[in-house]
Protein backbone atom coordinates (compact mmCIF):
# COMPACT_ATOMS: atom_id res chain seq x y z
CA MET A 1 20.49 -104.92 -244.44
CA TRP A 2 17.00 -105.90 -245.64
CA LYS A 3 14.22 -103.69 -244.27
CA ARG A 4 10.42 -103.45 -244.41
CA ARG A 5 8.59 -100.15 -244.57
CA LEU A 6 5.63 -100.16 -242.19
CA ARG A 7 2.75 -97.72 -241.97
CA SER A 8 1.83 -98.11 -238.30
CA TRP A 9 -1.38 -97.21 -236.48
CA ILE A 10 -2.00 -97.27 -232.73
CA THR A 11 -5.65 -96.97 -231.76
CA LEU A 12 -6.58 -95.04 -228.62
CA THR A 13 -9.34 -97.14 -227.08
CA THR A 14 -9.20 -99.03 -223.79
CA ALA A 15 -5.47 -99.58 -224.35
CA TRP A 16 -4.73 -95.83 -224.47
CA ARG A 17 -1.98 -95.95 -221.82
CA TRP A 18 -0.08 -98.54 -223.81
CA SER A 19 -0.70 -96.57 -226.97
CA TRP A 20 0.85 -93.37 -225.64
CA ARG A 21 3.77 -95.30 -224.16
CA CYS A 22 4.54 -96.73 -227.59
CA ARG A 23 3.72 -93.67 -229.68
CA TRP A 24 7.32 -92.58 -230.33
CA ALA A 25 8.19 -95.92 -231.92
CA PHE A 26 5.38 -95.76 -234.47
CA THR A 27 4.03 -93.43 -237.07
CA THR A 28 0.43 -92.55 -236.25
CA VAL A 29 -1.68 -92.59 -233.07
CA LEU A 30 -5.39 -92.52 -233.89
CA TRP A 31 -8.82 -92.32 -232.39
CA PRO A 32 -10.97 -95.06 -233.99
CA SER A 33 -13.29 -92.49 -235.58
CA VAL A 34 -10.59 -91.19 -237.94
CA GLU A 35 -9.14 -94.51 -239.12
CA THR A 36 -11.29 -94.61 -242.26
CA GLU A 37 -10.24 -91.10 -243.28
CA VAL A 38 -6.53 -91.77 -242.72
CA SER A 39 -6.55 -95.07 -244.63
CA MET A 40 -8.23 -93.27 -247.53
CA ARG A 41 -5.49 -90.62 -247.75
CA VAL A 42 -2.19 -92.43 -247.15
CA ARG A 43 0.08 -92.48 -250.21
CA LEU A 44 0.65 -96.09 -251.26
CA ARG A 45 4.22 -95.54 -252.42
CA THR A 46 5.23 -94.83 -248.82
CA VAL A 47 3.83 -98.14 -247.56
CA ALA A 48 5.03 -101.73 -247.84
CA VAL A 49 2.89 -103.18 -245.02
CA TRP A 50 -0.08 -101.71 -243.13
CA LEU A 51 0.71 -102.38 -239.45
CA ARG A 52 -2.00 -102.18 -236.82
CA TYR A 53 -0.78 -102.16 -233.21
CA LEU A 54 -3.00 -102.59 -230.16
CA ALA A 55 -6.10 -102.98 -232.28
CA ASN A 56 -8.90 -103.49 -229.81
CA THR A 57 -10.87 -106.21 -231.56
CA CYS A 58 -8.89 -106.82 -234.77
CA VAL A 59 -7.94 -104.77 -237.80
CA ARG A 60 -10.86 -102.44 -237.33
CA LEU A 61 -13.68 -102.48 -239.80
CA THR A 62 -13.07 -98.78 -240.33
CA VAL A 63 -9.59 -99.32 -241.78
CA VAL A 64 -10.83 -101.81 -244.37
CA GLN A 65 -13.67 -99.46 -245.31
CA GLY A 66 -11.17 -96.67 -245.86
CA LEU A 67 -9.04 -98.80 -248.17
CA MET A 68 -12.08 -99.91 -250.16
CA LYS A 69 -13.33 -96.31 -250.57
CA ARG A 70 -10.11 -95.13 -252.18
CA PRO A 71 -10.10 -94.40 -255.94
CA ASP A 72 -7.18 -96.86 -256.15
CA TRP A 73 -8.82 -99.42 -253.87
CA ASN A 74 -7.65 -102.30 -256.08
CA ALA A 75 -4.03 -101.46 -255.26
CA ALA A 76 -4.62 -100.36 -251.65
CA ILE A 77 -6.41 -103.54 -250.61
CA ARG A 78 -3.47 -105.60 -251.91
CA GLN A 79 -1.00 -103.87 -249.58
CA PRO A 80 -0.37 -106.52 -246.88
CA ILE A 81 -1.85 -105.91 -243.43
CA GLY A 82 0.17 -106.86 -240.36
CA ILE A 83 -1.36 -107.08 -236.88
CA ILE A 84 0.06 -106.95 -233.36
CA PRO A 85 -2.89 -107.65 -231.03
CA GLY A 86 -3.86 -105.92 -227.83
CA GLY A 87 -7.00 -105.66 -225.73
CA SER A 88 -9.69 -108.29 -226.19
CA GLY A 89 -11.01 -109.96 -229.32
CA ASN A 90 -8.41 -109.79 -232.11
CA GLY A 91 -9.89 -112.69 -234.06
CA LEU A 92 -7.80 -112.19 -237.21
CA ALA A 93 -4.57 -111.89 -235.22
CA HIS A 94 -5.31 -115.15 -233.40
CA SER A 95 -6.24 -116.88 -236.65
CA ILE A 96 -2.86 -115.87 -238.09
CA THR A 97 -0.82 -117.11 -235.13
CA HIS A 98 -2.95 -120.26 -234.83
CA GLN A 99 -1.88 -121.23 -238.36
CA SER A 100 1.71 -121.01 -237.10
CA GLU A 101 0.79 -123.18 -234.10
CA GLU A 102 1.48 -120.29 -231.74
CA LYS A 103 -0.55 -118.36 -229.17
CA GLY A 104 -1.89 -114.98 -230.19
CA LYS A 105 0.59 -112.99 -228.10
CA PRO A 106 2.14 -109.72 -229.30
CA VAL A 107 5.64 -111.20 -229.45
CA ASN A 108 4.46 -114.06 -231.68
CA ALA A 109 2.53 -111.65 -233.89
CA ALA A 110 5.64 -109.47 -234.21
CA TYR A 111 7.64 -112.51 -235.32
CA VAL A 112 5.05 -113.26 -238.01
CA LEU A 113 5.27 -109.65 -239.14
CA ALA A 114 9.07 -109.82 -239.38
CA LYS A 115 9.45 -113.28 -240.92
CA GLY A 116 6.13 -113.85 -242.68
CA ASP A 117 5.10 -113.27 -246.26
CA PRO A 118 2.01 -111.73 -247.86
CA HIS A 119 -0.90 -114.18 -247.86
CA ASP A 120 -4.25 -113.77 -249.61
CA LEU A 121 -7.28 -112.97 -247.43
CA ASP A 122 -10.93 -113.27 -248.43
CA ILE A 123 -13.08 -110.14 -248.23
CA THR A 124 -16.88 -110.34 -248.02
CA SER A 125 -19.19 -107.69 -249.46
CA VAL A 126 -22.17 -107.17 -247.12
CA ARG A 127 -25.11 -104.99 -248.15
CA ASN A 128 -28.37 -104.03 -246.43
CA GLY A 129 -30.14 -102.12 -249.19
CA LYS A 130 -28.62 -98.81 -248.08
CA GLU A 131 -24.87 -99.31 -248.25
CA THR A 132 -22.16 -101.93 -248.78
CA THR A 133 -19.71 -102.88 -246.04
CA TYR A 134 -16.57 -104.96 -246.55
CA SER A 135 -15.90 -107.66 -243.97
CA PHE A 136 -12.80 -109.72 -243.22
CA LEU A 137 -13.80 -111.46 -239.97
CA SER A 138 -17.40 -112.26 -239.05
CA LEU A 139 -21.12 -111.60 -239.14
CA GLU A 140 -23.30 -112.16 -236.07
CA TRP A 141 -27.00 -112.38 -235.35
CA ALA A 142 -29.17 -113.69 -232.49
CA SER A 143 -27.67 -114.22 -229.04
CA ILE A 144 -24.04 -113.79 -230.10
CA ALA A 145 -24.72 -110.33 -231.58
CA ASP A 146 -26.44 -109.23 -228.37
CA VAL A 147 -23.50 -110.56 -226.35
CA ASP A 148 -20.95 -108.77 -228.54
CA VAL A 149 -22.75 -105.44 -228.35
CA GLY A 150 -23.69 -105.81 -224.69
CA SER A 151 -20.09 -106.53 -223.70
CA GLU A 152 -18.93 -103.11 -224.94
CA LYS A 153 -19.96 -101.49 -221.66
CA LEU A 154 -17.86 -104.08 -219.77
CA ARG A 155 -14.49 -103.39 -221.43
CA MET A 156 -12.84 -102.82 -218.07
CA LEU A 157 -13.16 -106.59 -217.52
CA GLY A 158 -10.95 -107.44 -220.51
CA GLY A 159 -11.63 -110.83 -222.07
CA LEU A 160 -13.92 -111.70 -219.16
CA ARG A 161 -16.48 -109.21 -220.51
CA PHE A 162 -17.71 -111.73 -223.08
CA THR A 163 -18.32 -114.37 -220.39
CA VAL A 164 -20.26 -111.96 -218.19
CA ALA A 165 -22.32 -110.72 -221.13
CA PHE A 166 -23.09 -114.26 -222.26
CA VAL A 167 -24.26 -115.36 -218.80
CA ASN A 168 -26.55 -112.33 -218.67
CA GLN A 169 -27.87 -113.15 -222.14
CA LEU A 170 -28.44 -116.82 -221.34
CA VAL A 171 -30.25 -116.26 -218.05
CA PHE A 172 -32.15 -113.00 -218.45
CA GLN A 173 -32.59 -112.12 -222.13
CA ARG A 174 -34.79 -113.42 -224.96
CA PRO A 175 -33.93 -117.02 -225.83
CA GLU A 176 -34.96 -117.29 -229.49
CA TYR A 177 -34.68 -115.21 -232.65
CA PRO A 178 -37.11 -115.83 -235.54
CA GLY A 179 -35.94 -115.30 -239.09
CA LYS A 180 -34.64 -116.89 -242.29
CA ILE A 181 -31.27 -117.61 -243.85
CA TRP A 182 -30.70 -118.45 -247.51
CA TYR A 183 -27.31 -119.81 -248.49
CA LEU A 184 -25.74 -120.99 -251.73
CA ASP A 185 -25.11 -124.72 -251.60
CA GLU A 186 -22.43 -126.06 -253.95
CA GLY A 187 -20.59 -129.31 -254.54
CA GLU A 188 -17.75 -130.23 -252.21
CA ASN A 189 -15.31 -130.32 -255.11
CA GLU A 190 -16.11 -126.79 -256.29
CA GLU A 191 -13.25 -124.32 -255.82
CA PRO A 192 -13.99 -120.59 -256.14
CA HIS A 193 -11.78 -118.55 -258.45
CA ARG A 194 -9.51 -115.95 -256.89
CA TYR A 195 -10.91 -112.46 -257.33
CA PHE A 196 -8.02 -110.98 -259.29
CA LYS A 197 -7.76 -114.05 -261.51
CA THR A 198 -11.21 -113.38 -262.94
CA HIS A 199 -11.16 -109.57 -262.61
CA ASP A 200 -8.71 -107.10 -264.11
CA PRO A 201 -6.22 -106.13 -261.33
CA ASN A 202 -5.93 -102.68 -262.90
CA SER A 203 -9.68 -102.02 -262.93
CA THR A 204 -11.12 -99.74 -260.26
CA ASP A 205 -14.68 -101.04 -260.72
CA ARG A 206 -16.12 -101.95 -257.33
CA PRO A 207 -16.73 -105.64 -256.50
CA THR A 208 -20.19 -106.81 -257.51
CA MET A 209 -22.48 -109.36 -255.88
CA ASP A 210 -23.20 -111.34 -259.02
CA LEU A 211 -24.44 -114.45 -257.20
CA PHE A 212 -27.64 -112.60 -256.26
CA ASP A 213 -30.62 -111.67 -258.41
CA GLY A 214 -31.45 -108.06 -257.66
CA GLU A 215 -31.12 -106.65 -254.16
CA GLY A 216 -33.37 -107.38 -251.21
CA GLN A 217 -36.23 -108.74 -253.32
CA GLY A 218 -37.21 -111.92 -251.49
CA PRO A 219 -34.93 -114.96 -251.50
CA PRO A 220 -32.09 -115.21 -254.02
CA GLU A 221 -32.32 -117.12 -257.27
CA ALA A 222 -32.41 -120.89 -256.80
CA ALA A 223 -32.00 -124.06 -258.80
CA GLU A 224 -34.79 -126.54 -259.40
CA PRO A 225 -36.30 -127.89 -256.16
CA GLU A 226 -34.72 -130.96 -254.61
CA ASP A 227 -35.36 -133.19 -251.62
CA SER A 228 -34.53 -131.19 -248.51
CA LYS A 229 -33.23 -132.00 -245.08
CA LYS A 230 -35.28 -131.43 -241.96
CA GLY A 231 -35.60 -127.70 -241.36
CA GLU A 232 -33.92 -126.92 -244.67
CA THR A 233 -35.72 -126.30 -247.96
CA PRO A 234 -34.80 -124.97 -251.38
CA ALA A 235 -35.67 -121.30 -251.84
CA ASN A 236 -39.14 -121.28 -253.35
CA ASP A 237 -40.45 -117.85 -254.31
CA ASP A 238 -41.79 -117.06 -257.80
CA LYS A 239 -38.34 -116.34 -259.21
CA ALA A 240 -36.64 -119.33 -257.65
CA LYS A 241 -36.64 -121.54 -260.71
CA LYS A 242 -33.42 -120.53 -262.40
CA LYS A 243 -29.90 -121.77 -262.00
CA ALA A 244 -27.61 -119.76 -259.74
CA ALA A 245 -24.69 -118.26 -261.60
CA ASN A 246 -22.35 -121.11 -260.71
CA GLY A 247 -24.78 -124.03 -260.90
CA GLY A 248 -25.31 -124.21 -257.13
CA LYS A 249 -28.66 -124.19 -255.33
CA TRP A 250 -30.04 -121.71 -252.86
CA LYS A 251 -31.32 -123.37 -249.68
CA GLU A 252 -33.42 -121.91 -246.91
CA LEU A 253 -33.05 -122.23 -243.15
CA GLY A 254 -36.15 -120.92 -241.42
CA GLY A 255 -37.66 -120.77 -237.96
CA HIS A 256 -36.26 -119.74 -234.61
CA PHE A 257 -32.53 -119.56 -233.90
CA ARG A 258 -30.51 -119.33 -230.72
CA LEU A 259 -27.25 -118.39 -232.40
CA VAL A 260 -26.00 -117.51 -235.89
CA TRP A 261 -22.25 -116.88 -236.19
CA VAL A 262 -20.69 -116.49 -239.64
CA MET A 263 -16.89 -116.65 -239.87
CA ASN A 264 -14.42 -115.77 -242.61
CA VAL A 265 -11.41 -117.04 -240.62
CA SER A 266 -10.98 -119.65 -237.90
CA HIS A 267 -11.07 -117.50 -234.75
CA ALA A 268 -13.44 -114.80 -233.54
CA ALA A 269 -11.22 -114.21 -230.49
CA SER A 270 -8.38 -115.91 -228.62
CA ASP A 271 -10.87 -118.21 -226.88
CA ALA A 272 -13.33 -118.62 -229.78
CA HIS A 273 -12.20 -121.17 -232.39
CA ILE A 274 -15.52 -121.00 -234.22
CA ALA A 275 -14.64 -122.34 -237.68
CA PRO A 276 -11.82 -124.90 -237.37
CA GLY A 277 -11.92 -125.68 -241.09
CA ALA A 278 -11.72 -122.08 -242.31
CA GLU A 279 -8.73 -120.83 -244.29
CA PHE A 280 -7.75 -117.23 -244.98
CA ASP A 281 -8.25 -117.63 -248.70
CA ASP A 282 -10.55 -120.58 -249.38
CA GLY A 283 -13.32 -118.34 -250.75
CA TYR A 284 -15.98 -119.38 -248.21
CA ASN A 285 -17.88 -118.14 -245.18
CA TYR A 286 -18.78 -120.66 -242.46
CA ILE A 287 -22.26 -120.29 -240.96
CA THR A 288 -22.42 -121.85 -237.49
CA PHE A 289 -25.92 -121.93 -236.02
CA MET A 290 -28.21 -123.54 -233.46
CA ASP A 291 -31.96 -123.56 -234.01
CA GLY A 292 -34.54 -122.73 -231.38
CA SER A 293 -35.65 -126.32 -230.83
CA HIS A 294 -32.65 -126.88 -228.58
CA PRO A 295 -32.75 -125.83 -224.91
CA ARG A 296 -30.51 -123.18 -223.39
CA LYS A 297 -28.30 -125.83 -221.84
CA ASP A 298 -27.25 -126.93 -225.33
CA LEU A 299 -26.23 -123.36 -226.13
CA LEU A 300 -24.26 -123.24 -222.88
CA THR A 301 -22.56 -126.55 -223.71
CA MET A 302 -21.59 -125.20 -227.10
CA MET A 303 -20.15 -121.95 -225.75
CA LEU A 304 -18.08 -123.81 -223.17
CA ALA A 305 -16.40 -125.73 -225.99
CA ILE A 306 -15.64 -122.97 -228.51
CA GLU A 307 -12.12 -122.28 -227.21
CA THR A 308 -10.83 -125.57 -228.63
CA GLY A 309 -13.23 -125.94 -231.54
CA ASP A 310 -14.86 -128.98 -229.91
CA HIS A 311 -18.25 -127.26 -230.09
CA MET A 312 -18.66 -128.73 -233.57
CA ASP A 313 -19.39 -132.11 -231.95
CA LYS A 314 -21.95 -130.77 -229.49
CA LYS A 315 -25.68 -131.39 -229.73
CA GLY A 316 -27.58 -128.95 -231.92
CA VAL A 317 -24.54 -127.25 -233.48
CA GLN A 318 -24.65 -127.10 -237.28
CA GLN A 319 -22.35 -125.49 -239.81
CA VAL A 320 -22.58 -124.85 -243.54
CA ARG A 321 -19.91 -123.54 -245.90
CA THR A 322 -21.00 -121.07 -248.55
CA ARG A 323 -19.87 -118.32 -250.91
CA ALA A 324 -23.02 -116.25 -250.50
CA PHE A 325 -25.93 -115.96 -248.08
CA LYS A 326 -28.83 -113.74 -247.09
CA LEU A 327 -29.99 -113.17 -243.52
CA VAL A 328 -33.46 -111.77 -242.73
CA PRO A 329 -34.48 -111.43 -239.04
CA GLU A 330 -38.22 -111.35 -238.46
CA ARG A 331 -37.91 -108.61 -235.83
CA SER A 332 -36.61 -105.22 -236.92
CA THR A 333 -35.13 -104.68 -233.45
CA ASP A 334 -32.71 -107.62 -233.70
CA LEU A 335 -29.05 -106.64 -233.71
CA MET A 336 -26.74 -107.72 -236.53
CA CYS A 337 -22.98 -107.14 -236.41
CA VAL A 338 -20.29 -107.14 -239.09
CA ASP A 339 -16.76 -107.49 -237.71
CA GLY A 340 -18.06 -106.47 -234.29
CA GLU A 341 -19.82 -103.31 -235.48
CA VAL A 342 -23.63 -102.97 -235.53
CA VAL A 343 -25.08 -102.82 -239.05
CA GLU A 344 -28.67 -101.82 -239.80
CA GLY A 345 -31.16 -104.19 -241.43
CA PRO A 346 -33.77 -105.11 -242.43
CA TYR A 347 -31.64 -107.80 -244.07
CA LEU A 348 -28.02 -108.56 -244.92
CA GLU A 349 -26.76 -110.10 -248.16
CA ALA A 350 -23.14 -111.28 -248.30
CA GLN A 351 -20.82 -112.63 -250.99
CA VAL A 352 -17.19 -113.70 -250.57
CA HIS A 353 -14.45 -112.41 -252.89
CA ARG A 354 -11.66 -114.95 -252.69
CA GLY A 355 -8.17 -113.66 -251.92
CA MET A 356 -8.98 -110.01 -252.60
CA ALA A 357 -6.89 -108.59 -249.72
CA ARG A 358 -3.55 -109.65 -248.24
CA ILE A 359 -2.19 -110.14 -244.73
CA MET A 360 1.22 -110.97 -243.30
CA ALA A 361 1.35 -114.63 -242.24
CA VAL A 362 3.82 -117.48 -241.95
CA PRO A 363 3.36 -119.79 -244.96
CA ARG A 364 1.87 -123.18 -244.11
CA TRP A 365 5.04 -124.99 -245.16
CA GLN A 366 7.06 -123.05 -242.55
CA THR A 367 5.12 -124.25 -239.52
CA LYS A 368 6.79 -126.32 -236.79
CA ASP A 369 6.04 -129.71 -238.28
CA GLY A 370 7.56 -128.63 -241.59
CA ASN A 371 4.30 -129.11 -243.52
């Protein structure tokens, strides 16, 4: 009979009772703080699929960091990751089941794990001038970052913790966040190359951020200036006269923001369909934002519609698709999060590597409608 070898992890967080109940059926029960170390040391020949069970907010950032720190990272990151969700959040798990037109329940995720196939997943390199982090889910700044971090102390409320934290943020906290975002604007018909199509699969050289000029030195390289939209201008420092590596143009979004939410996949959580057009392996991040010229009620209207993805039609909501961007808050105290974890500033630069990792998912042609 056909079998799959699974390397299974159960994380002891708020779901610890469930974790201990299930421990005898799985291989490893972990505290979150040791996930990076374990993923760095597991022998690849013993693993066919990395399985994460009862992950609290998704495949934790720590696991991906461990895989990318290995000497054989190029092979480790290609081992498919399977997810059975638990707790709150679980954006990647819900994105996977959403593609299959199913709810993000554990039984549906288990079916995907049993019947699915390896599917490419984009990985984003994120650097702050001190270190590089590898992201698979999201980057947050402004009100949504404060909500995400503030909700940690409300875990006993389950999924309701995000609602409570958002209401507190909307009513009592600072309404606007000054800063700048530069993003690489390309033609609609451009299709990024898959990472291992343009890089040697056997090479252990770390991924580079070749779409940027230097690191942290003002805005990125830009093309020749062009007519800009309201609130959006081409990057214009002294170096911004050259072509970007792919012929695109760097554009600047400046001023005050209420929300900046960057997604790699479609869902940030079961009730947060932030980037309806996102694919696992399209090679793009989706920057959803609302500038500070819109009142708080517009932010509330947006957040009430994110469960279905209808927020894209709400007043003040904008979204751009890009392969690379740079985020620079004006205040050093502003929180920025990568995959739900706080990352230090003073800035973040990010570049997508198309299809670098793999996950277990049901192929698009096996969905209910047969397409």
